[in-house]
Amino acid sequence: MLYLMITKGGLDSMAQLSYLDLVSAITAGACHDFDHDGYNNVYHVNFMTDRALRYHDKAVQENWHASESMKILLKDENNFTENFSESEKKLLRKRVIGMILATDMADHMSHLNVVDFRIKHKQ
């Protein structure tokens, strides 16, 4: 869906997205539920699972998805960033992790409020 919004819907030109923005968004979209175990954050926190303990009850699943995805993406055989500079690689990683963490529904309204504000004030 994201790919269609970007390529057919004109999101790339409307939002003036760079190549790195696009790669980050598509990568995050592909990874945002990687290795999902079928439970939500509330379950993990309430049952004090290893995941909840590892991430201190904060965005448990999202942290897991980001961490496990990065382990896979950083393997040599999965490296699609070999032609990126070191600063681009770091920025890509930062953006992908940020986008995955932003899928935590506990923060949904605050993200929505930011988008709403920017639309209303054209920022």
Foldseek 3Di string as FASTA:
>chain_A
DVVCCVPVVVPCVVVVDDPLRVVLVVLLVVQLQPPPPPDALVVCCVVVDPQCVVVVSQLSRLQVSLVVSCVVCPDPVNPPCPVPDPVSVVVSSVSSSVVSSCVRPVCVVVVVVVVVVCVVVVD
